[in-house]
Protein backbone atom coordinates (compact mmCIF):
# COMPACT_ATOMS: atom_id res chain seq x y z
CA UNK A 1 -13.67 59.93 -63.67
CA UNK A 2 -14.06 58.93 -60.02
CA UNK A 3 -14.62 62.58 -59.11
CA UNK A 4 -17.21 62.75 -61.85
CA UNK A 5 -19.03 59.77 -60.42
CA UNK A 6 -19.42 61.49 -57.06
CA UNK A 7 -20.81 64.56 -58.80
CA UNK A 8 -23.13 62.38 -60.84
CA UNK A 9 -24.55 60.78 -57.69
CA UNK A 10 -25.42 64.23 -56.34
CA UNK A 11 -27.05 65.11 -59.63
CA UNK A 12 -29.02 61.86 -59.66
CA UNK A 13 -30.39 62.61 -56.20
CA UNK A 14 -31.50 66.10 -57.27
CA UNK A 15 -32.94 65.25 -60.67
CA UNK A 16 -36.56 64.02 -60.98
CA UNK A 17 -35.76 62.61 -64.41
CA UNK A 18 -33.34 60.07 -62.99
CA UNK A 19 -34.81 59.72 -59.51
CA UNK A 20 -35.69 56.09 -60.19
CA UNK A 21 -32.19 55.23 -61.40
CA UNK A 22 -30.20 53.35 -58.78
CA UNK A 23 -26.73 54.70 -58.19
CA UNK A 24 -25.42 51.14 -58.33
CA UNK A 25 -26.67 50.93 -61.91
CA UNK A 26 -24.66 54.04 -62.80
CA UNK A 27 -21.58 52.49 -61.25
CA UNK A 28 -21.86 49.16 -63.03
CA UNK A 29 -23.28 50.27 -66.38
CA UNK A 30 -20.51 52.07 -68.29
CA UNK A 31 -22.89 53.38 -70.97
CA UNK A 32 -25.17 54.95 -68.36
CA UNK A 33 -22.10 56.30 -66.58
CA UNK A 34 -20.79 57.93 -69.77
CA UNK A 35 -24.07 59.36 -71.01
CA UNK A 36 -24.99 60.75 -67.60
CA UNK A 37 -21.63 62.49 -67.30
CA UNK A 38 -21.94 63.94 -70.80
CA UNK A 39 -25.30 65.49 -70.01
CA UNK A 40 -24.85 66.51 -66.39
CA UNK A 41 -21.35 67.90 -66.82
CA UNK A 42 -21.99 69.34 -70.31
CA UNK A 43 -19.04 67.63 -71.98
CA UNK A 44 -20.27 68.42 -75.50
CA UNK A 45 -21.30 72.04 -75.03
CA UNK A 46 -19.07 74.86 -76.33
CA UNK A 47 -17.29 77.14 -73.88
CA UNK A 48 -15.59 80.49 -74.23
CA UNK A 49 -11.85 80.11 -74.85
CA UNK A 50 -9.59 81.84 -72.36
CA UNK A 51 -5.98 82.49 -71.52
CA UNK A 52 -4.83 80.73 -68.38
CA UNK A 53 -1.20 81.76 -67.93
CA UNK A 54 1.68 82.61 -70.24
CA UNK A 55 1.41 80.49 -73.40
CA UNK A 56 -1.35 78.22 -72.02
CA UNK A 57 -4.94 78.67 -73.16
CA UNK A 58 -8.21 76.85 -72.49
CA UNK A 59 -10.01 75.77 -75.68
CA UNK A 60 -12.25 73.04 -74.27
CA UNK A 61 -15.95 72.58 -73.57
CA UNK A 62 -18.14 73.33 -70.56
CA UNK A 63 -17.03 70.12 -68.87
CA UNK A 64 -13.78 68.99 -70.48
CA UNK A 65 -10.44 70.74 -70.58
CA UNK A 66 -8.48 71.08 -73.80
CA UNK A 67 -5.28 73.11 -73.68
CA UNK A 68 -3.59 75.10 -76.41
CA UNK A 69 0.08 75.81 -75.72
CA UNK A 70 1.45 78.42 -78.08
CA UNK A 71 5.00 78.83 -79.29
CA UNK A 72 7.20 80.66 -81.75
CA UNK A 73 7.54 77.64 -84.05
CA UNK A 74 4.04 76.24 -83.74
CA UNK A 75 1.53 75.18 -81.14
CA UNK A 76 0.59 72.10 -79.13
CA UNK A 77 -2.88 70.82 -78.23
CA UNK A 78 -3.23 68.65 -75.13
CA UNK A 79 -6.46 66.57 -75.09
CA UNK A 80 -9.29 66.91 -77.61
CA UNK A 81 -12.50 66.14 -75.73
CA UNK A 82 -15.37 64.00 -76.97
CA UNK A 83 -16.02 62.96 -80.59
CA UNK A 84 -17.61 65.98 -82.21
CA UNK A 85 -15.55 68.43 -80.18
CA UNK A 86 -12.95 68.91 -82.90
CA UNK A 87 -14.83 71.72 -84.69
CA UNK A 88 -15.53 73.45 -81.34
CA UNK A 89 -11.82 73.38 -80.48
CA UNK A 90 -10.93 74.61 -83.96
CA UNK A 91 -13.34 77.54 -83.57
CA UNK A 92 -11.96 78.40 -80.14
CA UNK A 93 -8.41 78.49 -81.46
CA UNK A 94 -9.45 80.92 -84.18
CA UNK A 95 -11.43 83.05 -81.71
CA UNK A 96 -8.25 83.52 -79.68
CA UNK A 97 -6.51 84.83 -82.79
CA UNK A 98 -4.43 81.73 -83.56
CA UNK A 99 -4.54 79.44 -86.58
CA UNK A 100 -5.35 75.74 -86.24
CA UNK A 101 -2.94 75.17 -89.11
CA UNK A 102 -0.11 76.31 -86.81
CA UNK A 103 -0.76 73.45 -84.39
CA UNK A 104 2.12 71.00 -84.90
CA UNK A 105 1.62 68.43 -82.12
CA UNK A 106 -1.40 66.67 -80.63
CA UNK A 107 -0.94 65.16 -77.16
CA UNK A 108 -3.28 63.35 -74.77
CA UNK A 109 -3.22 62.62 -71.05
CA UNK A 110 -4.87 59.26 -71.63
CA UNK A 111 -6.66 57.77 -74.61
CA UNK A 112 -10.26 57.56 -73.44
CA UNK A 113 -13.16 58.80 -75.54
CA UNK A 114 -13.61 61.97 -73.46
CA UNK A 115 -10.04 63.14 -74.06
CA UNK A 116 -9.05 61.73 -77.45
CA UNK A 117 -12.40 61.93 -79.25
CA UNK A 118 -11.40 64.94 -81.36
CA UNK A 119 -7.91 63.73 -82.28
CA UNK A 120 -8.78 62.44 -85.73
CA UNK A 121 -10.57 65.65 -86.75
CA UNK A 122 -7.83 67.95 -85.51
CA UNK A 123 -5.03 65.82 -86.91
CA UNK A 124 -6.65 66.22 -90.33
CA UNK A 125 -7.49 69.92 -90.03
CA UNK A 126 -4.20 70.96 -88.46
CA UNK A 127 -2.08 68.38 -90.28
CA UNK A 128 -0.45 67.97 -86.87
CA UNK A 129 1.69 65.09 -85.73
CA UNK A 130 0.09 62.86 -83.11
CA UNK A 131 2.55 62.09 -80.31
CA UNK A 132 1.97 59.68 -77.42
CA UNK A 133 3.89 57.72 -74.80
CA UNK A 134 4.74 54.20 -75.93
CA UNK A 135 2.44 52.50 -73.41
CA UNK A 136 -0.60 54.34 -74.84
CA UNK A 137 0.14 54.01 -78.58
CA UNK A 138 -1.90 50.87 -79.19
CA UNK A 139 -4.92 52.23 -77.34
CA UNK A 140 -4.93 55.53 -79.22
CA UNK A 141 -4.45 53.90 -82.61
CA UNK A 142 -7.22 51.38 -81.89
CA UNK A 143 -9.73 54.13 -81.18
CA UNK A 144 -10.23 52.80 -77.67
CA UNK A 145 -10.89 49.19 -78.67
CA UNK A 146 -7.91 47.78 -76.74
CA UNK A 147 -8.79 49.46 -73.44
CA UNK A 148 -8.58 46.98 -70.55
CA UNK A 149 -12.00 48.00 -69.19
CA UNK A 150 -14.01 49.76 -71.90
CA UNK A 151 -12.59 48.20 -75.06
CA UNK A 152 -15.72 46.27 -76.02
CA UNK A 153 -18.13 49.12 -75.27
CA UNK A 154 -19.00 50.87 -78.52
CA UNK A 155 -19.88 54.15 -76.82
CA UNK A 156 -16.33 54.41 -75.49
CA UNK A 157 -14.74 54.05 -78.91
CA UNK A 158 -13.60 56.93 -81.11
CA UNK A 159 -12.08 57.46 -84.54
CA UNK A 160 -8.62 55.87 -84.52
CA UNK A 161 -5.65 58.05 -85.35
CA UNK A 162 -2.17 57.24 -86.61
CA UNK A 163 0.60 58.04 -84.15
CA UNK A 164 3.55 59.83 -85.75
CA UNK A 165 5.83 60.06 -82.74
CA UNK A 166 6.33 57.85 -79.70
CA UNK A 167 8.08 59.18 -76.63
CA UNK A 168 9.34 57.61 -73.40
CA UNK A 169 8.80 58.20 -69.71
CA UNK A 170 10.82 61.24 -68.66
CA UNK A 171 11.41 62.44 -72.20
CA UNK A 172 11.32 66.15 -73.01
CA UNK A 173 9.03 67.10 -75.85
CA UNK A 174 10.25 70.27 -77.54
CA UNK A 175 8.65 72.46 -80.17
CA UNK A 176 10.53 75.70 -80.62
CA UNK A 177 10.39 77.50 -77.28
CA UNK A 178 7.87 75.03 -75.81
CA UNK A 179 9.28 72.26 -73.61
CA UNK A 180 7.10 69.65 -71.89
CA UNK A 181 8.36 66.71 -69.84
CA UNK A 182 6.26 63.54 -70.16
CA UNK A 183 5.91 61.33 -67.08
CA UNK A 184 4.29 57.90 -67.16
CA UNK A 185 1.57 57.87 -64.48
CA UNK A 186 -0.26 54.66 -65.29
CA UNK A 187 -3.28 53.16 -63.61
CA UNK A 188 -6.32 54.84 -65.10
CA UNK A 189 -4.94 53.50 -68.39
CA UNK A 190 -1.69 51.67 -68.99
CA UNK A 191 -0.17 54.77 -70.56
CA UNK A 192 -1.73 57.66 -68.65
CA UNK A 193 0.71 60.55 -68.91
CA UNK A 194 1.36 63.60 -66.77
CA UNK A 195 2.98 66.56 -68.50
CA UNK A 196 5.08 69.21 -66.74
CA UNK A 197 6.38 72.52 -68.03
CA UNK A 198 7.98 75.67 -66.72
CA UNK A 199 6.67 79.08 -67.62
CA UNK A 200 7.72 82.60 -66.66
CA UNK A 201 5.08 85.29 -66.19
CA UNK A 202 6.04 88.84 -65.20
CA UNK A 203 9.53 87.63 -64.43
CA UNK A 204 8.36 84.92 -62.02
CA UNK A 205 8.84 81.19 -62.80
CA UNK A 206 5.99 78.71 -62.33
CA UNK A 207 5.91 74.92 -62.58
CA UNK A 208 2.75 73.93 -64.42
CA UNK A 209 1.53 70.33 -64.12
CA UNK A 210 -1.12 68.49 -66.11
CA UNK A 211 -1.70 65.51 -63.76
CA UNK A 212 -3.18 62.25 -65.00
CA UNK A 213 -3.74 58.61 -64.16
CA UNK A 214 -5.10 58.61 -60.59
CA UNK A 215 -8.82 57.93 -61.08
CA UNK A 216 -10.17 54.47 -60.23
CA UNK A 217 -13.31 54.18 -62.32
CA UNK A 218 -16.42 52.20 -61.35
CA UNK A 219 -15.77 48.55 -62.19
CA UNK A 220 -11.98 48.74 -62.02
CA UNK A 221 -10.22 46.02 -60.01
CA UNK A 222 -6.90 46.93 -58.42
CA UNK A 223 -5.98 43.90 -56.27
CA UNK A 224 -8.14 40.77 -56.49
CA UNK A 225 -8.80 39.72 -60.09
CA UNK A 226 -7.05 42.92 -61.25
CA UNK A 227 -8.23 44.73 -64.36
CA UNK A 228 -4.74 44.19 -65.74
CA UNK A 229 -1.65 42.61 -64.24
CA UNK A 230 0.24 45.13 -62.14
CA UNK A 231 -2.48 47.82 -62.06
CA UNK A 232 -2.19 48.26 -58.29
CA UNK A 233 1.56 48.78 -58.47
CA UNK A 234 1.07 51.22 -61.34
CA UNK A 235 -1.29 53.34 -59.24
CA UNK A 236 1.11 53.31 -56.30
CA UNK A 237 3.99 54.41 -58.51
CA UNK A 238 1.83 57.15 -59.99
CA UNK A 239 1.04 58.54 -56.55
CA UNK A 240 4.75 58.53 -55.67
CA UNK A 241 5.60 60.41 -58.87
CA UNK A 242 2.86 63.00 -58.39
CA UNK A 243 3.71 63.42 -54.72
CA UNK A 244 7.32 64.21 -55.65
CA UNK A 245 6.19 67.15 -57.77
CA UNK A 246 5.26 70.48 -56.26
CA UNK A 247 3.48 72.50 -58.93
CA UNK A 248 2.22 75.99 -58.40
CA UNK A 249 -0.32 75.63 -61.21
CA UNK A 250 -2.10 72.34 -61.90
CA UNK A 251 -4.55 71.84 -64.75
CA UNK A 252 -6.76 68.77 -65.01
CA UNK A 253 -8.58 67.16 -67.97
CA UNK A 254 -11.96 67.65 -66.25
CA UNK A 255 -12.93 71.23 -65.45
CA UNK A 256 -14.62 70.62 -62.11
CA UNK A 257 -11.66 68.59 -60.81
CA UNK A 258 -9.52 71.70 -60.30
CA UNK A 259 -12.14 74.46 -59.99
CA UNK A 260 -11.62 75.84 -63.49
CA UNK A 261 -14.64 78.16 -63.56
CA UNK A 262 -13.94 79.64 -60.14
CA UNK A 263 -10.27 80.21 -60.92
CA UNK A 264 -11.12 81.73 -64.29
CA UNK A 265 -13.55 84.17 -62.68
CA UNK A 266 -11.01 85.16 -60.02
CA UNK A 267 -8.28 85.60 -62.63
CA UNK A 268 -10.04 88.70 -63.97
CA UNK A 269 -8.90 90.54 -60.83
CA UNK A 270 -6.07 88.35 -59.52
CA UNK A 271 -4.34 87.45 -62.78
CA UNK A 272 -2.06 84.42 -62.61
CA UNK A 273 -2.37 84.30 -58.82
CA UNK A 274 -5.84 82.82 -59.23
CA UNK A 275 -4.29 79.75 -60.85
CA UNK A 276 -1.45 79.28 -58.35
CA UNK A 277 -2.82 76.65 -55.99
CA UNK A 278 -0.25 74.31 -54.39
CA UNK A 279 -2.53 73.66 -51.41
CA UNK A 280 -5.35 72.61 -53.73
CA UNK A 281 -2.99 70.25 -55.52
CA UNK A 282 -1.97 68.58 -52.26
CA UNK A 283 -5.61 68.18 -51.21
CA UNK A 284 -6.62 66.78 -54.60
CA UNK A 285 -3.76 64.29 -54.58
CA UNK A 286 -4.56 63.10 -51.05
CA UNK A 287 -8.22 62.64 -51.97
CA UNK A 288 -7.26 60.65 -55.06
CA UNK A 289 -4.91 58.44 -53.03
CA UNK A 290 -7.61 57.91 -50.39
CA UNK A 291 -10.05 56.74 -53.07
CA UNK A 292 -7.50 54.25 -54.35
CA UNK A 293 -6.89 53.00 -50.81
CA UNK A 294 -10.66 52.65 -50.33
CA UNK A 295 -10.86 50.53 -53.47
CA UNK A 296 -8.09 48.29 -52.15
CA UNK A 297 -9.83 47.95 -48.78
CA UNK A 298 -13.16 47.03 -50.37
CA UNK A 299 -11.57 44.31 -52.46
CA UNK A 300 -9.63 42.90 -49.52
CA UNK A 301 -12.87 42.56 -47.53
CA UNK A 302 -14.64 40.58 -50.25
């Protein structure tokens, strides 16, 4: 969400409605932070579903990415957006010509309200198994109530969902001809998870990465009085893991974070080449690491 915060500040400066709102208030008030992002980045508004590459489809909203990964023995959904997004995702799946009932697994990059809000609805509609890395199980099943930073904030809570499968760091998650590798990339939450998969399009292989865990949200503490014990080391490990990976295609949980709309528009002429962006991945990762380092520096100067 750190990227979102920067975008929100620009929107605050341009909007007469919120001209009197101090940016510091947005940083320190999680409810204001959430509601501003929802409105400004259109998290709850429906978007046209689209094919990205190979078996990977976008079925999210105007501001939040939800991915449908299709396979011969059933499908996987990664992330489910805000509470209330479940029916929008369901409709998008049908519009693409697939059946929600064929979704067998529900995954999440991290269990915050903007990415797990539709889990309960889709688990019921699809009768899909909810699968999560062990470090995130408690948070997902609590509906956000055990989050180290937002747990007591009602607006950040969502309908809890029962986890049917727990996997480990480095484990391969298989469903028919779909194979995803789950990598623990903690920091943003204790169980933030990056997923990696290989696809072949027109005879050419591509490593696809769904990165997660790097954002340092307003109010997080990473060194002095840390938000949770070991959070700083978790972030550092996450950056090492993500730096070791060299994806051609990288797909984020927030649309603006990886230029979804621009890449989608270019894909009409360029096809999969519009999504292949290793340079963009390197720049994004460096910017994320720099923001973490800035947070460390600020705390050390206190």
